[in-house]
Protein backbone atom coordinates (compact mmCIF):
# COMPACT_ATOMS: atom_id res chain seq x y z
CA MET A 1 144.95 -75.88 22.45
CA SER A 2 141.55 -77.49 21.88
CA VAL A 3 140.89 -79.64 18.54
CA GLN A 4 137.73 -79.23 17.00
CA ALA A 5 135.91 -81.91 15.72
CA ARG A 6 136.06 -81.93 11.90
CA PRO A 7 132.75 -81.21 10.22
CA ARG A 8 130.62 -83.75 8.19
CA ARG A 9 129.77 -81.63 5.57
CA SER A 10 132.51 -81.90 2.81
CA LEU A 11 132.50 -79.20 -0.83
CA VAL A 12 134.55 -81.65 -2.37
CA ARG A 13 131.83 -84.14 -2.28
CA ALA A 14 129.43 -81.15 -3.36
CA LEU A 15 131.27 -80.21 -5.84
CA MET A 16 131.68 -83.62 -7.37
CA PHE A 17 127.65 -84.03 -7.20
CA ALA A 18 127.07 -80.88 -8.84
CA MET A 19 129.27 -81.23 -11.83
CA LEU A 20 127.81 -85.36 -12.35
CA GLY A 21 124.44 -83.58 -11.99
CA PHE A 22 125.34 -80.72 -14.42
CA GLY A 23 126.75 -83.47 -16.52
CA LEU A 24 123.15 -85.02 -16.41
CA ILE A 25 121.34 -81.89 -17.13
CA VAL A 26 123.42 -81.25 -20.45
CA GLY A 27 123.05 -85.14 -21.18
CA LEU A 28 119.09 -84.72 -20.83
CA GLY A 29 119.08 -81.95 -22.56
CA MET A 30 121.27 -82.96 -25.59
CA PRO A 31 118.53 -84.45 -27.47
CA PHE A 32 116.16 -81.54 -27.58
CA PHE A 33 119.46 -79.47 -28.93
CA SER A 34 120.03 -82.51 -31.53
CA TYR A 35 116.35 -82.23 -32.74
CA LEU A 36 116.34 -78.49 -33.51
CA VAL A 37 119.56 -78.92 -35.32
CA LEU A 38 118.94 -82.00 -37.23
CA GLU A 39 115.29 -82.19 -37.19
CA SER A 40 115.46 -85.84 -36.71
CA GLU A 41 113.16 -87.97 -34.84
CA LYS A 42 116.25 -90.24 -33.72
CA ALA A 43 117.16 -87.42 -31.44
CA PHE A 44 114.98 -88.79 -29.30
CA SER A 45 115.71 -92.12 -29.29
CA PRO A 46 116.53 -94.58 -26.13
CA SER A 47 120.42 -95.31 -27.69
CA PHE A 48 120.72 -91.36 -28.31
CA ILE A 49 119.82 -90.15 -25.06
CA GLY A 50 121.07 -92.79 -22.99
CA LEU A 51 124.80 -91.77 -24.74
CA SER A 52 123.82 -88.21 -24.69
CA VAL A 53 123.39 -88.96 -20.63
CA LEU A 54 126.57 -90.54 -20.44
CA ALA A 55 128.36 -88.72 -22.24
CA GLY A 56 127.55 -85.49 -19.89
CA LEU A 57 128.29 -87.88 -17.02
CA GLN A 58 131.50 -88.44 -18.41
CA VAL A 59 132.15 -84.70 -19.11
CA GLY A 60 130.93 -83.98 -14.83
CA SER A 61 133.70 -86.40 -13.93
CA ALA A 62 136.44 -85.33 -16.50
CA ASN A 63 135.81 -81.97 -14.77
CA PHE A 64 135.88 -83.44 -11.27
CA ILE A 65 139.02 -85.36 -12.06
CA LEU A 66 140.68 -81.99 -12.92
CA PHE A 67 139.31 -80.29 -10.16
CA ARG A 68 140.86 -82.67 -8.10
CA MET A 69 144.51 -82.66 -9.73
CA VAL A 70 144.61 -79.18 -9.42
CA ILE A 71 143.08 -77.07 -7.09
CA SER A 72 143.13 -80.04 -4.54
CA ARG A 73 146.56 -80.95 -4.44
CA GLN A 74 147.35 -77.22 -3.59
CA THR A 75 144.73 -76.99 -0.84
CA ARG A 76 146.02 -80.53 0.73
CA ARG A 77 149.54 -78.83 0.75
CA MET A 78 148.46 -75.72 2.23
CA ALA A 79 146.34 -77.26 4.68
CA LYS A 80 149.60 -79.50 5.71
CA GLU A 81 151.37 -76.77 5.84
CA ILE A 82 148.97 -74.69 8.33
CA ASP A 83 148.55 -78.29 10.18
CA GLU A 84 152.18 -78.23 10.42
CA VAL A 85 152.90 -74.15 11.55
CA ILE A 86 150.10 -75.29 14.53
CA GLU A 87 152.20 -78.09 15.76
CA ARG A 88 155.15 -75.88 15.88
CA LEU A 89 153.64 -73.05 17.94
CA GLY A 90 151.76 -75.53 20.42
CA GLU A 91 155.99 -76.54 21.25
CA VAL A 92 156.77 -73.17 22.81
CA ASP A 93 160.13 -73.61 23.52
CA GLU A 94 160.78 -75.37 19.96
CA ALA A 95 158.54 -72.83 18.42
CA ARG A 96 160.80 -70.31 19.52
CA ARG A 97 163.59 -71.20 18.06
CA GLU A 98 162.09 -72.16 14.59
CA LEU A 99 159.93 -69.13 14.68
CA LEU A 100 162.79 -66.52 14.67
CA GLU A 101 164.57 -68.46 11.41
CA ASP A 102 161.47 -69.26 9.44
CA SER A 103 159.57 -65.85 8.24
CA SER A 104 156.82 -67.16 5.50
CA PRO A 105 155.99 -70.74 5.57
CA PHE A 106 153.58 -70.85 2.72
CA GLU A 107 154.80 -71.20 -0.67
CA VAL A 108 153.07 -68.96 -3.06
CA THR A 109 152.82 -70.11 -6.03
CA THR A 110 149.87 -68.80 -8.10
CA SER A 111 148.58 -65.39 -8.59
CA ASP A 112 144.74 -66.86 -8.04
CA ASP A 113 142.59 -67.14 -5.13
CA LEU A 114 144.96 -70.16 -3.71
CA GLY A 115 147.79 -67.78 -3.89
CA ARG A 116 145.95 -64.94 -2.22
CA ILE A 117 144.91 -67.29 0.72
CA ALA A 118 148.80 -68.45 1.14
CA ARG A 119 149.95 -64.53 1.23
CA GLY A 120 147.18 -64.06 3.62
CA CYS A 121 148.41 -66.63 5.98
CA ASN A 122 151.88 -65.60 5.39
CA ALA A 123 151.16 -62.02 6.85
CA LEU A 124 149.14 -63.43 9.58
CA TYR A 125 151.90 -65.70 10.05
CA ALA A 126 154.55 -62.73 10.28
CA ALA A 127 151.86 -60.86 12.50
CA THR A 128 151.68 -63.94 14.93
CA VAL A 129 155.80 -64.02 15.17
CA ASP A 130 156.16 -60.56 15.78
CA ARG A 131 153.71 -60.49 18.36
CA LEU A 132 155.42 -63.90 19.81
CA ARG A 133 159.10 -62.31 19.91
CA THR A 134 158.08 -59.30 21.91
CA GLU A 135 155.99 -60.78 24.58
CA TRP A 136 159.37 -63.38 24.89
CA ALA A 137 161.23 -60.35 24.76
CA ARG A 138 159.04 -58.80 27.75
CA GLN A 139 158.79 -62.08 29.39
CA ASP A 140 162.45 -62.35 29.30
CA ALA A 141 163.46 -58.62 30.54
CA LEU A 142 160.68 -59.17 33.89
CA SER A 143 162.42 -62.41 34.23
CA GLU A 144 165.84 -60.13 34.67
CA LEU A 145 164.44 -57.43 36.20
CA GLY A 146 162.87 -59.23 39.05
CA ASP A 147 166.93 -60.93 39.53
CA THR A 148 168.36 -57.60 41.04
CA THR A 149 167.44 -55.30 44.18
CA ASN A 150 170.33 -52.83 43.25
CA LEU A 151 168.75 -49.33 42.04
CA ASP A 152 171.59 -48.74 39.60
CA GLU A 153 171.66 -52.33 38.41
CA LEU A 154 167.85 -51.99 38.63
CA SER A 155 167.59 -48.89 36.13
CA ARG A 156 170.33 -50.04 34.07
CA ARG A 157 168.78 -52.95 33.35
CA LEU A 158 165.32 -51.69 32.82
CA LEU A 159 166.73 -49.10 29.95
CA SER A 160 168.86 -52.12 28.42
CA THR A 161 165.26 -54.62 28.44
CA LEU A 162 163.09 -51.38 27.27
CA GLU A 163 165.47 -51.03 24.40
CA ARG A 164 165.26 -54.78 23.36
CA VAL A 165 161.56 -54.99 23.92
CA SER A 166 161.54 -51.80 21.51
CA GLU A 167 163.87 -53.39 18.63
CA ALA A 168 161.60 -57.18 19.36
CA GLY A 169 158.38 -55.09 18.67
CA ARG A 170 159.47 -53.38 14.98
CA HIS A 171 158.35 -54.60 12.08
CA PRO A 172 161.14 -56.45 10.08
CA SER A 173 161.26 -53.95 7.38
CA THR A 174 161.95 -50.88 9.78
CA ARG A 175 164.75 -52.53 11.73
């Protein structure tokens, strides 16, 4: 399994700059709105403009911190779980045992987009596990069939093997 280089572009960093930039725009626009409402020249004083910009940057920073606390925590947890699944799939012998026991590695805790991503990952994982079960049953069957030369024994093993492969390929809900 090849490891891809991490992309240099950070969506989190882009979001931080977008939130701070929006805060800056709001801060710069505040004196104009204040002038319209208050009809006072003090709205254009350097101290009011500075405080407005500072307040806008604080709002942008607070939004980013909230994002990191709520969304990033969930995405980091999901990324860690995906890394664990990839690691397990890389170790075939151990994966055989663990995959047969674990049917949904991602805990779905929300009903939003992150929850949909987790459910999608669980569905993809389940389909992969089903495919691996079928493939492992096929490999085991071929190995067993290759061990015999007696036609009666071969036909008996073939029927037994076909039943096992068929059973392994069925979706768990139809068993």
